[in-house]
Amino acid sequence: MYLRTLSILVVLGALIAFAAINWTAIVSPFTLSLGIATVEAPLGLVLLGLIGLLTLLFLIYIVFLQSLSLLESRRQARELQNQREIAEQSEASRFSRLYSFLEVELQKLALQNENGQAALLAKLDELESRLRSTVEQSANSLAAYMGEIDDKLEKAAGGSS
C-alpha cells in the first residue's frame, strides 16, 4: 500500500511540476468547439480542470468502495458473533442435557444398588436364619447323641457293678 501511494504522489507531483513549467501555455486562450457553440478559453486550464474533476470522482469512488467494504466486514462480524453465540448456546444446551441424563442414570444406578443391597441384605438374613436353624439342629443332634452315649455308659457301668 505504501508503494502504491508513493507512486500516485510521484505522478501527481510530476503533473503539478509540468503545469507549473508550462503555465503560460496552459492559460493561453484558445478557440474551443463544444459541438453546439464555440468558446474562447485556455485549453490547458480546461484539461487540468477535467483531470482534477476525474481525480475527485476517483477519490469519491474509492471512499465509496472502502465504506462498502467496511460495512460488509461489520455485517460479517455481527453474523459471526451471532453464530458464535448460537453455537455456545447449543453447546451449553448439550452439556445441560448430558448432565441431566447422567444425573438420571446415576439415580437409577443408585436405586438399583439400594435395591440390590436390600436384596443382598434379605438374602444374608435368610442365610443367617438357615445357618442358625442348622446349627440348632446340629446342636440338638449332638446333644441327643451325647445323651445316648451317657445312657449307654450308665447302663454299661450299672451292669458291671
N, C-alpha and C. Protein backbone atom coordinates (compact mmCIF):
# COMPACT_ATOMS: atom_id res chain seq x y z
N MET A 1 0.84 -1.18 0.00
CA MET A 1 0.00 0.00 0.00
C MET A 1 0.88 1.24 0.00
N TYR A 2 1.97 1.22 0.71
CA TYR A 2 2.85 2.38 0.78
C TYR A 2 3.45 2.69 -0.58
N LEU A 3 3.86 1.65 -1.35
CA LEU A 3 4.45 1.85 -2.67
C LEU A 3 3.43 2.44 -3.64
N ARG A 4 2.21 1.98 -3.57
CA ARG A 4 1.14 2.49 -4.43
C ARG A 4 0.89 3.96 -4.15
N THR A 5 0.78 4.31 -2.88
CA THR A 5 0.54 5.70 -2.51
C THR A 5 1.71 6.58 -2.95
N LEU A 6 2.91 6.09 -2.78
CA LEU A 6 4.10 6.84 -3.18
C LEU A 6 4.12 7.07 -4.69
N SER A 7 3.77 6.03 -5.47
CA SER A 7 3.76 6.20 -6.93
C SER A 7 2.68 7.19 -7.37
N ILE A 8 1.53 7.17 -6.73
CA ILE A 8 0.47 8.14 -7.06
C ILE A 8 0.94 9.55 -6.74
N LEU A 9 1.59 9.73 -5.60
CA LEU A 9 2.09 11.06 -5.23
C LEU A 9 3.18 11.53 -6.19
N VAL A 10 4.03 10.62 -6.67
CA VAL A 10 5.08 10.99 -7.62
C VAL A 10 4.46 11.44 -8.94
N VAL A 11 3.46 10.71 -9.43
CA VAL A 11 2.80 11.08 -10.69
C VAL A 11 2.09 12.42 -10.51
N LEU A 12 1.40 12.62 -9.39
CA LEU A 12 0.71 13.88 -9.14
C LEU A 12 1.72 15.04 -9.03
N GLY A 13 2.84 14.81 -8.38
CA GLY A 13 3.88 15.84 -8.29
C GLY A 13 4.44 16.17 -9.66
N ALA A 14 4.66 15.17 -10.51
CA ALA A 14 5.16 15.41 -11.87
C ALA A 14 4.16 16.22 -12.67
N LEU A 15 2.87 15.93 -12.51
CA LEU A 15 1.82 16.69 -13.21
C LEU A 15 1.81 18.14 -12.76
N ILE A 16 1.94 18.37 -11.47
CA ILE A 16 1.97 19.74 -10.94
C ILE A 16 3.22 20.47 -11.45
N ALA A 17 4.35 19.79 -11.46
CA ALA A 17 5.59 20.41 -11.96
C ALA A 17 5.45 20.74 -13.45
N PHE A 18 4.87 19.84 -14.22
CA PHE A 18 4.65 20.09 -15.65
C PHE A 18 3.74 21.29 -15.85
N ALA A 19 2.68 21.37 -15.06
CA ALA A 19 1.75 22.51 -15.18
C ALA A 19 2.44 23.81 -14.79
N ALA A 20 3.26 23.78 -13.77
CA ALA A 20 3.96 25.00 -13.33
C ALA A 20 4.96 25.47 -14.38
N ILE A 21 5.67 24.52 -14.98
CA ILE A 21 6.65 24.89 -16.00
C ILE A 21 5.97 25.47 -17.24
N ASN A 22 4.84 24.90 -17.60
CA ASN A 22 4.14 25.30 -18.82
C ASN A 22 2.92 26.16 -18.53
N TRP A 23 2.94 26.90 -17.47
CA TRP A 23 1.76 27.67 -17.06
C TRP A 23 1.34 28.68 -18.11
N THR A 24 2.24 29.34 -18.74
CA THR A 24 1.87 30.34 -19.77
C THR A 24 1.16 29.68 -20.94
N ALA A 25 1.60 28.48 -21.32
CA ALA A 25 0.93 27.77 -22.42
C ALA A 25 -0.43 27.26 -21.97
N ILE A 26 -0.53 26.90 -20.69
CA ILE A 26 -1.80 26.35 -20.17
C ILE A 26 -2.87 27.43 -20.13
N VAL A 27 -2.50 28.65 -19.76
CA VAL A 27 -3.50 29.72 -19.61
C VAL A 27 -3.68 30.53 -20.90
N SER A 28 -2.98 30.20 -22.01
CA SER A 28 -3.19 30.95 -23.25
C SER A 28 -4.56 30.62 -23.82
N PRO A 29 -5.28 31.64 -24.25
CA PRO A 29 -6.62 31.41 -24.80
C PRO A 29 -6.57 30.65 -26.12
N PHE A 30 -7.61 29.87 -26.30
CA PHE A 30 -7.71 29.05 -27.49
C PHE A 30 -9.18 28.94 -27.84
N THR A 31 -9.51 28.84 -29.09
CA THR A 31 -10.90 28.71 -29.51
C THR A 31 -11.28 27.23 -29.41
N LEU A 32 -12.30 26.97 -28.57
CA LEU A 32 -12.74 25.59 -28.33
C LEU A 32 -14.14 25.40 -28.90
N SER A 33 -14.37 24.26 -29.52
CA SER A 33 -15.69 23.94 -30.06
C SER A 33 -16.37 22.98 -29.10
N LEU A 34 -17.57 23.33 -28.66
CA LEU A 34 -18.36 22.47 -27.76
C LEU A 34 -19.40 21.67 -28.53
N GLY A 35 -19.37 21.68 -29.80
CA GLY A 35 -20.33 20.95 -30.62
C GLY A 35 -21.47 21.86 -31.02
N ILE A 36 -22.06 22.59 -30.09
CA ILE A 36 -23.17 23.48 -30.37
C ILE A 36 -22.64 24.90 -30.58
N ALA A 37 -21.65 25.23 -29.80
CA ALA A 37 -21.12 26.59 -29.86
C ALA A 37 -19.60 26.54 -29.75
N THR A 38 -18.98 27.66 -30.02
CA THR A 38 -17.54 27.77 -29.84
C THR A 38 -17.28 28.78 -28.74
N VAL A 39 -16.23 28.46 -27.96
CA VAL A 39 -15.89 29.29 -26.81
C VAL A 39 -14.38 29.54 -26.88
N GLU A 40 -14.00 30.73 -26.43
CA GLU A 40 -12.58 31.01 -26.34
C GLU A 40 -12.19 30.88 -24.87
N ALA A 41 -11.31 29.88 -24.58
CA ALA A 41 -10.87 29.59 -23.20
C ALA A 41 -9.50 28.96 -23.28
N PRO A 42 -8.78 29.00 -22.15
CA PRO A 42 -7.47 28.34 -22.15
C PRO A 42 -7.64 26.82 -22.15
N LEU A 43 -7.14 26.17 -23.18
CA LEU A 43 -7.30 24.72 -23.34
C LEU A 43 -6.59 23.96 -22.23
N GLY A 44 -5.40 24.36 -21.86
CA GLY A 44 -4.65 23.67 -20.80
C GLY A 44 -5.39 23.73 -19.47
N LEU A 45 -5.97 24.89 -19.17
CA LEU A 45 -6.72 25.04 -17.92
C LEU A 45 -7.97 24.16 -17.91
N VAL A 46 -8.62 24.07 -19.05
CA VAL A 46 -9.80 23.21 -19.16
C VAL A 46 -9.40 21.75 -18.95
N LEU A 47 -8.31 21.35 -19.58
CA LEU A 47 -7.87 19.97 -19.43
C LEU A 47 -7.42 19.69 -17.99
N LEU A 48 -6.74 20.66 -17.36
CA LEU A 48 -6.36 20.49 -15.95
C LEU A 48 -7.60 20.40 -15.06
N GLY A 49 -8.59 21.19 -15.38
CA GLY A 49 -9.85 21.13 -14.62
C GLY A 49 -10.52 19.77 -14.76
N LEU A 50 -10.51 19.23 -16.00
CA LEU A 50 -11.09 17.90 -16.23
C LEU A 50 -10.29 16.82 -15.49
N ILE A 51 -8.97 16.94 -15.50
CA ILE A 51 -8.15 15.98 -14.75
C ILE A 51 -8.45 16.07 -13.26
N GLY A 52 -8.59 17.30 -12.75
CA GLY A 52 -8.95 17.48 -11.33
C GLY A 52 -10.31 16.88 -11.01
N LEU A 53 -11.28 17.10 -11.92
CA LEU A 53 -12.63 16.55 -11.72
C LEU A 53 -12.59 15.02 -11.73
N LEU A 54 -11.85 14.44 -12.67
CA LEU A 54 -11.72 12.98 -12.72
C LEU A 54 -11.04 12.44 -11.47
N THR A 55 -10.03 13.16 -11.00
CA THR A 55 -9.34 12.74 -9.77
C THR A 55 -10.30 12.78 -8.59
N LEU A 56 -11.09 13.85 -8.50
CA LEU A 56 -12.07 13.96 -7.42
C LEU A 56 -13.10 12.84 -7.49
N LEU A 57 -13.61 12.55 -8.71
CA LEU A 57 -14.57 11.45 -8.87
C LEU A 57 -13.93 10.11 -8.49
N PHE A 58 -12.68 9.92 -8.85
CA PHE A 58 -11.97 8.69 -8.50
C PHE A 58 -11.83 8.56 -6.99
N LEU A 59 -11.49 9.65 -6.32
CA LEU A 59 -11.37 9.62 -4.85
C LEU A 59 -12.73 9.33 -4.19
N ILE A 60 -13.77 9.93 -4.72
CA ILE A 60 -15.12 9.67 -4.17
C ILE A 60 -15.47 8.18 -4.36
N TYR A 61 -15.13 7.64 -5.54
CA TYR A 61 -15.39 6.23 -5.80
C TYR A 61 -14.61 5.33 -4.84
N ILE A 62 -13.35 5.68 -4.57
CA ILE A 62 -12.53 4.91 -3.64
C ILE A 62 -13.13 4.94 -2.23
N VAL A 63 -13.57 6.14 -1.80
CA VAL A 63 -14.18 6.26 -0.48
C VAL A 63 -15.47 5.42 -0.43
N PHE A 64 -16.25 5.46 -1.50
CA PHE A 64 -17.48 4.67 -1.57
C PHE A 64 -17.17 3.17 -1.45
N LEU A 65 -16.16 2.68 -2.19
CA LEU A 65 -15.79 1.27 -2.12
C LEU A 65 -15.28 0.89 -0.74
N GLN A 66 -14.48 1.76 -0.14
CA GLN A 66 -13.95 1.48 1.21
C GLN A 66 -15.10 1.40 2.22
N SER A 67 -16.05 2.33 2.11
CA SER A 67 -17.17 2.30 3.07
C SER A 67 -18.02 1.05 2.88
N LEU A 68 -18.25 0.65 1.61
CA LEU A 68 -18.99 -0.60 1.37
C LEU A 68 -18.24 -1.79 1.96
N SER A 69 -16.94 -1.80 1.77
CA SER A 69 -16.14 -2.89 2.31
C SER A 69 -16.20 -2.91 3.83
N LEU A 70 -16.11 -1.74 4.44
CA LEU A 70 -16.19 -1.64 5.90
C LEU A 70 -17.55 -2.10 6.41
N LEU A 71 -18.62 -1.67 5.74
CA LEU A 71 -19.97 -2.10 6.15
C LEU A 71 -20.13 -3.61 6.01
N GLU A 72 -19.60 -4.16 4.92
CA GLU A 72 -19.70 -5.61 4.71
C GLU A 72 -18.93 -6.38 5.78
N SER A 73 -17.74 -5.89 6.12
CA SER A 73 -16.96 -6.59 7.16
C SER A 73 -17.64 -6.48 8.51
N ARG A 74 -18.27 -5.36 8.81
CA ARG A 74 -19.02 -5.24 10.07
C ARG A 74 -20.21 -6.17 10.09
N ARG A 75 -20.90 -6.28 8.95
CA ARG A 75 -22.06 -7.18 8.87
C ARG A 75 -21.61 -8.63 9.09
N GLN A 76 -20.50 -8.99 8.46
CA GLN A 76 -19.98 -10.34 8.63
C GLN A 76 -19.52 -10.59 10.06
N ALA A 77 -18.93 -9.57 10.69
CA ALA A 77 -18.52 -9.73 12.09
C ALA A 77 -19.73 -9.94 12.99
N ARG A 78 -20.82 -9.19 12.73
CA ARG A 78 -22.05 -9.38 13.51
C ARG A 78 -22.61 -10.78 13.30
N GLU A 79 -22.65 -11.24 12.05
CA GLU A 79 -23.15 -12.58 11.78
C GLU A 79 -22.27 -13.64 12.45
N LEU A 80 -20.97 -13.42 12.40
CA LEU A 80 -20.05 -14.36 13.05
C LEU A 80 -20.29 -14.39 14.55
N GLN A 81 -20.50 -13.22 15.15
CA GLN A 81 -20.77 -13.16 16.59
C GLN A 81 -22.09 -13.87 16.92
N ASN A 82 -23.11 -13.64 16.07
CA ASN A 82 -24.40 -14.32 16.28
C ASN A 82 -24.23 -15.84 16.18
N GLN A 83 -23.48 -16.29 15.18
CA GLN A 83 -23.26 -17.73 15.03
C GLN A 83 -22.47 -18.29 16.20
N ARG A 84 -21.52 -17.50 16.70
CA ARG A 84 -20.75 -17.92 17.87
C ARG A 84 -21.66 -18.09 19.08
N GLU A 85 -22.57 -17.11 19.28
CA GLU A 85 -23.50 -17.17 20.41
C GLU A 85 -24.43 -18.37 20.28
N ILE A 86 -24.91 -18.62 19.06
CA ILE A 86 -25.80 -19.77 18.84
C ILE A 86 -25.05 -21.06 19.13
N ALA A 87 -23.80 -21.14 18.68
CA ALA A 87 -23.00 -22.35 18.94
C ALA A 87 -22.77 -22.53 20.43
N GLU A 88 -22.48 -21.44 21.14
CA GLU A 88 -22.27 -21.54 22.59
C GLU A 88 -23.54 -21.96 23.30
N GLN A 89 -24.69 -21.42 22.86
CA GLN A 89 -25.96 -21.80 23.48
C GLN A 89 -26.27 -23.28 23.23
N SER A 90 -26.04 -23.73 22.00
CA SER A 90 -26.33 -25.14 21.71
C SER A 90 -25.37 -26.05 22.48
N GLU A 91 -24.12 -25.61 22.61
CA GLU A 91 -23.15 -26.39 23.38
C GLU A 91 -23.56 -26.45 24.85
N ALA A 92 -24.00 -25.31 25.38
CA ALA A 92 -24.47 -25.28 26.78
C ALA A 92 -25.70 -26.17 26.93
N SER A 93 -26.59 -26.15 25.94
CA SER A 93 -27.78 -26.99 25.98
C SER A 93 -27.39 -28.46 25.97
N ARG A 94 -26.43 -28.81 25.12
CA ARG A 94 -25.98 -30.20 25.09
C ARG A 94 -25.36 -30.62 26.41
N PHE A 95 -24.58 -29.72 27.02
CA PHE A 95 -23.98 -30.04 28.30
C PHE A 95 -25.05 -30.21 29.38
N SER A 96 -26.07 -29.34 29.36
CA SER A 96 -27.12 -29.47 30.39
C SER A 96 -27.91 -30.76 30.17
N ARG A 97 -28.19 -31.12 28.89
CA ARG A 97 -28.88 -32.38 28.63
C ARG A 97 -28.03 -33.57 29.06
N LEU A 98 -26.74 -33.51 28.78
CA LEU A 98 -25.84 -34.58 29.21
C LEU A 98 -25.80 -34.68 30.72
N TYR A 99 -25.75 -33.54 31.39
CA TYR A 99 -25.75 -33.52 32.86
C TYR A 99 -27.03 -34.15 33.39
N SER A 100 -28.19 -33.76 32.80
CA SER A 100 -29.47 -34.32 33.24
C SER A 100 -29.50 -35.83 33.00
N PHE A 101 -29.03 -36.26 31.83
CA PHE A 101 -29.02 -37.68 31.51
C PHE A 101 -28.15 -38.45 32.51
N LEU A 102 -26.96 -37.93 32.76
CA LEU A 102 -26.07 -38.60 33.70
C LEU A 102 -26.66 -38.62 35.11
N GLU A 103 -27.32 -37.55 35.49
CA GLU A 103 -27.93 -37.49 36.82
C GLU A 103 -29.01 -38.55 36.95
N VAL A 104 -29.86 -38.68 35.91
CA VAL A 104 -30.93 -39.69 35.93
C VAL A 104 -30.32 -41.09 35.97
N GLU A 105 -29.30 -41.32 35.15
CA GLU A 105 -28.68 -42.63 35.12
C GLU A 105 -28.01 -42.97 36.45
N LEU A 106 -27.37 -41.99 37.05
CA LEU A 106 -26.75 -42.22 38.35
C LEU A 106 -27.81 -42.50 39.42
N GLN A 107 -28.93 -41.81 39.34
CA GLN A 107 -30.02 -42.08 40.30
C GLN A 107 -30.55 -43.50 40.09
N LYS A 108 -30.71 -43.91 38.82
CA LYS A 108 -31.15 -45.28 38.55
C LYS A 108 -30.15 -46.28 39.11
N LEU A 109 -28.89 -46.01 38.88
CA LEU A 109 -27.84 -46.90 39.36
C LEU A 109 -27.84 -46.95 40.88
N ALA A 110 -28.01 -45.80 41.51
CA ALA A 110 -28.06 -45.77 42.98
C ALA A 110 -29.28 -46.54 43.48
N LEU A 111 -30.41 -46.38 42.80
CA LEU A 111 -31.62 -47.10 43.19
C LEU A 111 -31.43 -48.60 43.00
N GLN A 112 -30.79 -48.98 41.88
CA GLN A 112 -30.51 -50.39 41.67
C GLN A 112 -29.57 -50.91 42.75
N ASN A 113 -28.59 -50.10 43.12
CA ASN A 113 -27.68 -50.52 44.18
C ASN A 113 -28.41 -50.64 45.51
N GLU A 114 -29.31 -49.68 45.77
CA GLU A 114 -30.09 -49.77 47.01
C GLU A 114 -30.96 -51.01 46.99
N ASN A 115 -31.63 -51.25 45.86
CA ASN A 115 -32.46 -52.45 45.73
C ASN A 115 -31.58 -53.69 45.81
N GLY A 116 -30.44 -53.64 45.17
CA GLY A 116 -29.51 -54.77 45.21
C GLY A 116 -28.99 -54.99 46.62
N GLN A 117 -28.71 -53.89 47.32
CA GLN A 117 -28.24 -54.01 48.69
C GLN A 117 -29.34 -54.57 49.58
N ALA A 118 -30.58 -54.10 49.34
CA ALA A 118 -31.70 -54.62 50.13
C ALA A 118 -31.91 -56.11 49.85
N ALA A 119 -31.80 -56.48 48.57
CA ALA A 119 -31.95 -57.89 48.22
C ALA A 119 -30.81 -58.70 48.82
N LEU A 120 -29.62 -58.14 48.77
CA LEU A 120 -28.46 -58.82 49.34
C LEU A 120 -28.61 -58.97 50.85
N LEU A 121 -29.09 -57.90 51.50
CA LEU A 121 -29.31 -57.99 52.95
C LEU A 121 -30.39 -59.02 53.28
N ALA A 122 -31.45 -59.04 52.48
CA ALA A 122 -32.50 -60.04 52.71
C ALA A 122 -31.95 -61.45 52.52
N LYS A 123 -31.13 -61.63 51.49
CA LYS A 123 -30.53 -62.95 51.25
C LYS A 123 -29.61 -63.33 52.40
N LEU A 124 -28.83 -62.35 52.89
CA LEU A 124 -27.95 -62.62 54.03
C LEU A 124 -28.76 -62.98 55.27
N ASP A 125 -29.86 -62.29 55.50
CA ASP A 125 -30.72 -62.61 56.64
C ASP A 125 -31.27 -64.02 56.51
N GLU A 126 -31.71 -64.38 55.31
CA GLU A 126 -32.24 -65.71 55.09
C GLU A 126 -31.16 -66.77 55.34
N LEU A 127 -29.97 -66.50 54.79
CA LEU A 127 -28.87 -67.44 55.00
C LEU A 127 -28.49 -67.54 56.48
N GLU A 128 -28.53 -66.41 57.17
CA GLU A 128 -28.22 -66.42 58.61
C GLU A 128 -29.25 -67.24 59.38
N SER A 129 -30.53 -67.06 59.04
CA SER A 129 -31.56 -67.83 59.76
C SER A 129 -31.43 -69.32 59.44
N ARG A 130 -31.12 -69.67 58.19
CA ARG A 130 -30.90 -71.08 57.86
C ARG A 130 -29.71 -71.65 58.62
N LEU A 131 -28.64 -70.82 58.67
CA LEU A 131 -27.45 -71.27 59.39
C LEU A 131 -27.76 -71.48 60.87
N ARG A 132 -28.53 -70.57 61.45
CA ARG A 132 -28.90 -70.72 62.87
C ARG A 132 -29.72 -72.00 63.09
N SER A 133 -30.69 -72.21 62.18
CA SER A 133 -31.51 -73.43 62.37
C SER A 133 -30.66 -74.69 62.18
N THR A 134 -29.73 -74.65 61.21
CA THR A 134 -28.85 -75.80 61.00
C THR A 134 -27.96 -76.02 62.22
N VAL A 135 -27.43 -74.91 62.77
CA VAL A 135 -26.58 -75.02 63.96
C VAL A 135 -27.41 -75.57 65.13
N GLU A 136 -28.65 -75.07 65.27
CA GLU A 136 -29.51 -75.56 66.36
C GLU A 136 -29.81 -77.05 66.18
N GLN A 137 -30.11 -77.45 64.93
CA GLN A 137 -30.39 -78.86 64.67
C GLN A 137 -29.15 -79.71 64.98
N SER A 138 -27.99 -79.17 64.56
CA SER A 138 -26.74 -79.90 64.83
C SER A 138 -26.51 -79.99 66.33
N ALA A 139 -26.76 -78.88 67.03
CA ALA A 139 -26.58 -78.90 68.49
C ALA A 139 -27.55 -79.89 69.13
N ASN A 140 -28.80 -79.91 68.67
CA ASN A 140 -29.79 -80.86 69.22
C ASN A 140 -29.37 -82.30 68.92
N SER A 141 -28.92 -82.54 67.67
CA SER A 141 -28.49 -83.90 67.33
C SER A 141 -27.30 -84.31 68.18
N LEU A 142 -26.36 -83.37 68.36
CA LEU A 142 -25.18 -83.65 69.16
C LEU A 142 -25.58 -83.92 70.61
N ALA A 143 -26.51 -83.14 71.11
CA ALA A 143 -26.97 -83.34 72.49
C ALA A 143 -27.66 -84.70 72.61
N ALA A 144 -28.43 -85.08 71.58
CA ALA A 144 -29.10 -86.39 71.62
C ALA A 144 -28.07 -87.52 71.59
N TYR A 145 -27.06 -87.38 70.70
CA TYR A 145 -26.03 -88.41 70.65
C TYR A 145 -25.28 -88.50 71.97
N MET A 146 -25.01 -87.32 72.57
CA MET A 146 -24.31 -87.30 73.85
C MET A 146 -25.19 -87.98 74.93
N GLY A 147 -26.48 -87.69 74.85
CA GLY A 147 -27.40 -88.32 75.82
C GLY A 147 -27.42 -89.83 75.65
N GLU A 148 -27.43 -90.31 74.41
CA GLU A 148 -27.42 -91.75 74.16
C GLU A 148 -26.14 -92.38 74.68
N ILE A 149 -25.03 -91.70 74.42
CA ILE A 149 -23.74 -92.22 74.88
C ILE A 149 -23.73 -92.27 76.40
N ASP A 150 -24.25 -91.22 77.05
CA ASP A 150 -24.32 -91.21 78.52
C ASP A 150 -25.18 -92.38 79.00
N ASP A 151 -26.32 -92.58 78.37
CA ASP A 151 -27.19 -93.69 78.76
C ASP A 151 -26.49 -95.03 78.61
N LYS A 152 -25.80 -95.21 77.49
CA LYS A 152 -25.09 -96.46 77.25
C LYS A 152 -23.98 -96.63 78.26
N LEU A 153 -23.30 -95.53 78.58
CA LEU A 153 -22.23 -95.60 79.57
C LEU A 153 -22.80 -95.93 80.96
N GLU A 154 -23.92 -95.33 81.27
CA GLU A 154 -24.52 -95.59 82.58
C GLU A 154 -25.01 -97.04 82.63
N LYS A 155 -25.58 -97.53 81.57
CA LYS A 155 -26.04 -98.93 81.56
C LYS A 155 -24.84 -99.86 81.64
N ALA A 156 -23.82 -99.51 80.94
CA ALA A 156 -22.63 -100.35 80.97
C ALA A 156 -21.96 -100.29 82.35
N ALA A 157 -21.98 -99.13 82.96
CA ALA A 157 -21.37 -99.00 84.27
C ALA A 157 -22.29 -99.65 85.31
N GLY A 158 -23.56 -99.57 85.14
CA GLY A 158 -24.51 -100.14 86.08
C GLY A 158 -24.57 -101.65 85.95
N GLY A 159 -24.38 -102.21 84.80
CA GLY A 159 -24.43 -103.64 84.58
C GLY A 159 -23.17 -104.33 85.07
N SER A 160 -22.09 -103.68 85.12
CA SER A 160 -20.84 -104.30 85.55
C SER A 160 -20.64 -104.11 87.03
N SER A 161 -21.35 -103.29 87.71
CA SER A 161 -21.12 -103.15 89.14
C SER A 161 -21.86 -104.13 89.94
